[in-house]
Amino acid sequence: MSDAKQSNALLIIDAQKAFERLEQEGAVPNDATAKTRIATLLKAYRAAELPVIHVRHASLEPHSYFQSHLPGFEVMAAARERAGEVVVTKHVNSAFIGTELEAILHDRGVRSLTIAGATLNHCVETTARMAANLGFRVRLVADATWAYPVQSLDGVTFPASLVHAMSLANLNGEFADIVTTNDVVGHLAARPPVRPDDIPEV
């Protein structure tokens, strides 16, 4: 595979079964179908032979479902990794802190990231901001991310749809280009064959 084909990568953040456990206990995401779009993105990137990188959260908090020895650490069925795809394990919100992610991207010639996963207002937004600060071009796939309700300091509960919309607004333009799954898949489908001197934009 040429360096040109490596210039963009799909980054799937924390698509783990712990979220399924939280939803069984009553947490309601803004979009219950977002997880299925991760599978769509994975299929498109694999067909295009572009890199896919999976990030898993291994919480160090004693009561977290994301602890590495618990079932919640496992990946959701829709985002299951394939042999040969990079899996990065993190312990904090940013996928760049305490991991080899930045070095992996540079080593593979990756210049831009297409980001999906959960939750948008936590690990996805944190990683997207840091990626932009590190010089990567970021495309955030809005409908392949999700959020849950958040309670304010004065006890007001912000609905998941508002949390999701506000996080997108925070990122838009300054840290990321906001796109949809259809945007990404359509661009990949229309992409001409790669020549050695091409730099594909996804």
Protein backbone atom coordinates (compact mmCIF):
# COMPACT_ATOMS: atom_id res chain seq x y z
CA MET A 1 0.00 0.00 0.00
CA SER A 2 1.42 3.39 -0.99
CA ASP A 3 1.97 6.30 1.38
CA ALA A 4 -0.64 8.23 -0.61
CA LYS A 5 -3.36 5.74 0.28
CA GLN A 6 -2.32 6.00 3.92
CA SER A 7 -2.85 9.78 4.15
CA ASN A 8 -6.32 9.47 5.72
CA ALA A 9 -7.41 7.10 8.48
CA LEU A 10 -10.66 6.21 10.19
CA LEU A 11 -10.45 6.56 13.97
CA ILE A 12 -13.16 4.73 15.96
CA ILE A 13 -13.25 5.86 19.58
CA ASP A 14 -14.56 3.77 22.49
CA ALA A 15 -17.23 1.75 20.65
CA GLN A 16 -17.41 -0.59 23.62
CA LYS A 17 -20.01 -2.73 25.34
CA ALA A 18 -19.93 -0.63 28.50
CA PHE A 19 -22.27 1.79 26.73
CA GLU A 20 -24.71 -1.04 26.13
CA ARG A 21 -24.67 -1.76 29.86
CA LEU A 22 -25.28 1.92 30.66
CA GLU A 23 -28.22 2.00 28.26
CA GLN A 24 -29.68 -1.13 29.85
CA GLU A 25 -29.61 0.83 33.10
CA GLY A 26 -31.53 3.75 31.59
CA ALA A 27 -29.04 6.01 29.79
CA VAL A 28 -30.65 7.24 26.57
CA PRO A 29 -28.40 8.36 23.69
CA ASN A 30 -29.42 11.13 21.31
CA ASP A 31 -29.30 8.64 18.40
CA ALA A 32 -29.63 4.91 19.00
CA THR A 33 -28.75 4.18 15.35
CA ALA A 34 -25.35 5.92 15.41
CA LYS A 35 -23.61 2.65 16.22
CA THR A 36 -24.81 1.06 12.99
CA ARG A 37 -23.19 3.86 11.00
CA ILE A 38 -19.82 2.94 12.47
CA ALA A 39 -20.22 -0.43 10.76
CA THR A 40 -20.99 1.40 7.51
CA LEU A 41 -17.85 3.52 7.83
CA LEU A 42 -15.73 0.49 8.60
CA LYS A 43 -17.02 -1.33 5.53
CA ALA A 44 -16.27 1.67 3.30
CA TYR A 45 -12.75 2.21 4.66
CA ARG A 46 -11.88 -1.45 4.39
CA ALA A 47 -13.14 -1.55 0.80
CA ALA A 48 -11.03 1.52 0.01
CA GLU A 49 -8.00 -0.08 1.69
CA LEU A 50 -7.52 2.94 3.93
CA PRO A 51 -6.24 2.57 7.49
CA VAL A 52 -8.62 1.87 10.35
CA ILE A 53 -7.55 2.55 13.93
CA HIS A 54 -9.62 1.47 16.93
CA VAL A 55 -9.37 3.15 20.33
CA ARG A 56 -10.54 1.39 23.46
CA HIS A 57 -10.88 2.96 26.89
CA ALA A 58 -9.45 1.00 29.83
CA SER A 59 -10.69 2.92 32.83
CA LEU A 60 -8.64 3.09 36.00
CA GLU A 61 -11.72 4.10 38.01
CA PRO A 62 -12.74 1.32 40.43
CA HIS A 63 -16.47 1.43 39.62
CA SER A 64 -16.27 1.90 35.85
CA TYR A 65 -17.72 -0.61 33.39
CA PHE A 66 -14.76 0.23 31.12
CA GLN A 67 -12.17 -1.52 33.29
CA SER A 68 -10.08 -3.80 31.10
CA HIS A 69 -11.04 -7.00 32.94
CA LEU A 70 -14.79 -6.42 32.62
CA PRO A 71 -17.15 -7.32 29.74
CA GLY A 72 -17.74 -3.62 29.09
CA PHE A 73 -14.19 -3.25 27.79
CA GLU A 74 -15.06 -5.47 24.83
CA VAL A 75 -15.85 -3.88 21.49
CA MET A 76 -19.44 -3.59 20.22
CA ALA A 77 -20.41 -6.01 17.46
CA ALA A 78 -20.87 -3.14 14.98
CA ALA A 79 -17.28 -2.00 15.48
CA ARG A 80 -15.47 -5.30 15.79
CA GLU A 81 -11.79 -5.10 14.84
CA ARG A 82 -10.19 -7.15 12.09
CA ALA A 83 -6.79 -8.77 12.13
CA GLY A 84 -4.13 -6.29 11.13
CA GLU A 85 -6.06 -3.20 12.25
CA VAL A 86 -4.41 -1.08 14.91
CA VAL A 87 -5.97 -1.10 18.39
CA VAL A 88 -4.89 1.63 20.82
CA THR A 89 -5.75 1.44 24.52
CA LYS A 90 -6.10 4.67 26.47
CA HIS A 91 -6.77 5.51 30.12
CA VAL A 92 -7.90 9.14 29.81
CA ASN A 93 -10.21 11.13 27.53
CA SER A 94 -7.69 11.87 24.79
CA ALA A 95 -6.55 9.00 22.59
CA PHE A 96 -3.19 10.77 22.24
CA ILE A 97 -2.25 10.87 25.94
CA GLY A 98 -0.23 7.93 27.20
CA THR A 99 -0.51 6.04 23.89
CA GLU A 100 1.47 5.57 20.69
CA LEU A 101 -1.32 6.98 18.51
CA GLU A 102 0.53 10.05 17.27
CA ALA A 103 3.63 8.02 16.41
CA ILE A 104 1.53 5.39 14.63
CA LEU A 105 -0.16 8.06 12.50
CA HIS A 106 3.11 9.72 11.54
CA ASP A 107 4.75 6.38 10.82
CA ARG A 108 1.91 5.49 8.42
CA GLY A 109 1.90 8.87 6.71
CA VAL A 110 -1.57 9.77 8.00
CA ARG A 111 -2.31 13.47 7.59
CA SER A 112 -6.04 13.55 8.26
CA LEU A 113 -8.48 11.70 10.48
CA THR A 114 -12.12 10.78 10.09
CA ILE A 115 -13.43 10.36 13.63
CA ALA A 116 -16.48 8.48 14.93
CA GLY A 117 -17.44 6.86 18.22
CA ALA A 118 -18.44 7.82 21.75
CA THR A 119 -19.16 9.82 23.58
CA LEU A 120 -19.08 12.94 21.46
CA ASN A 121 -18.83 15.44 24.31
CA HIS A 122 -16.11 13.50 26.14
CA CYS A 123 -13.46 11.33 24.47
CA VAL A 124 -14.43 12.11 20.87
CA GLU A 125 -14.34 15.87 21.33
CA THR A 126 -11.16 15.74 23.42
CA THR A 127 -9.37 13.60 20.83
CA ALA A 128 -10.60 15.72 17.92
CA ARG A 129 -9.37 18.93 19.57
CA MET A 130 -5.96 17.46 20.29
CA ALA A 131 -5.67 15.98 16.79
CA ALA A 132 -6.27 19.42 15.31
CA ASN A 133 -3.75 20.98 17.69
CA LEU A 134 -1.19 18.39 16.59
CA GLY A 135 -1.67 19.40 12.96
CA PHE A 136 -4.00 16.68 11.65
CA ARG A 137 -6.98 17.61 9.52
CA VAL A 138 -10.08 16.33 11.30
CA ARG A 139 -13.45 15.30 9.92
CA LEU A 140 -15.98 14.47 12.61
CA VAL A 141 -18.79 12.15 11.49
CA ALA A 142 -21.78 13.66 13.31
CA ASP A 143 -24.25 10.83 12.80
CA ALA A 144 -21.73 8.15 13.78
CA THR A 145 -21.24 9.67 17.24
CA TRP A 146 -23.59 9.96 20.18
CA ALA A 147 -24.05 11.60 23.56
CA TYR A 148 -26.14 11.16 26.71
CA PRO A 149 -27.99 13.69 28.89
CA VAL A 150 -25.80 15.86 31.15
CA GLN A 151 -26.78 17.49 34.42
CA SER A 152 -25.62 21.06 35.01
CA LEU A 153 -24.15 22.35 38.27
CA ASP A 154 -27.52 23.81 39.24
CA GLY A 155 -29.37 20.56 38.61
CA VAL A 156 -30.76 21.24 35.15
CA THR A 157 -30.67 18.20 32.86
CA PHE A 158 -29.60 18.98 29.32
CA PRO A 159 -31.10 16.45 26.87
CA ALA A 160 -28.76 14.26 24.85
CA SER A 161 -29.76 15.97 21.60
CA LEU A 162 -28.69 19.35 22.99
CA VAL A 163 -25.43 17.95 24.37
CA HIS A 164 -24.64 16.42 20.98
CA ALA A 165 -25.52 19.60 19.08
CA MET A 166 -23.44 21.79 21.40
CA SER A 167 -20.40 19.56 21.07
CA LEU A 168 -20.65 19.70 17.28
CA ALA A 169 -20.92 23.49 17.49
CA ASN A 170 -17.81 23.61 19.70
CA LEU A 171 -15.77 21.66 17.14
CA ASN A 172 -17.14 23.00 13.88
CA GLY A 173 -14.68 25.03 11.85
CA GLU A 174 -11.97 25.56 14.46
CA PHE A 175 -11.16 21.94 15.29
CA ALA A 176 -13.00 19.83 12.71
CA ASP A 177 -15.12 19.73 9.60
CA ILE A 178 -18.49 18.23 10.51
CA VAL A 179 -19.66 15.60 8.02
CA THR A 180 -22.16 12.73 7.79
CA THR A 181 -21.67 9.05 7.12
CA ASN A 182 -23.19 9.50 3.67
CA ASP A 183 -20.71 12.31 2.93
CA VAL A 184 -17.77 10.06 3.76
CA VAL A 185 -19.05 6.95 2.02
CA GLY A 186 -20.02 8.94 -1.07
CA HIS A 187 -16.60 10.55 -1.29
CA LEU A 188 -14.84 7.21 -0.94
CA ALA A 189 -17.03 5.67 -3.63
CA ALA A 190 -16.30 8.54 -6.02
CA ARG A 191 -12.58 8.60 -5.29
CA PRO A 192 -10.51 7.91 -8.44
CA PRO A 193 -7.83 5.19 -8.45
CA VAL A 194 -4.81 6.28 -6.44
CA ARG A 195 -1.60 7.10 -8.28
CA PRO A 196 1.70 7.28 -6.38
CA ASP A 197 1.67 11.09 -6.42
CA ASP A 198 -1.97 11.43 -5.26
CA ILE A 199 -2.93 12.58 -1.78
CA PRO A 200 -6.55 11.52 -1.26
CA GLU A 201 -8.80 13.90 0.64
CA VAL A 202 -11.55 12.15 2.57
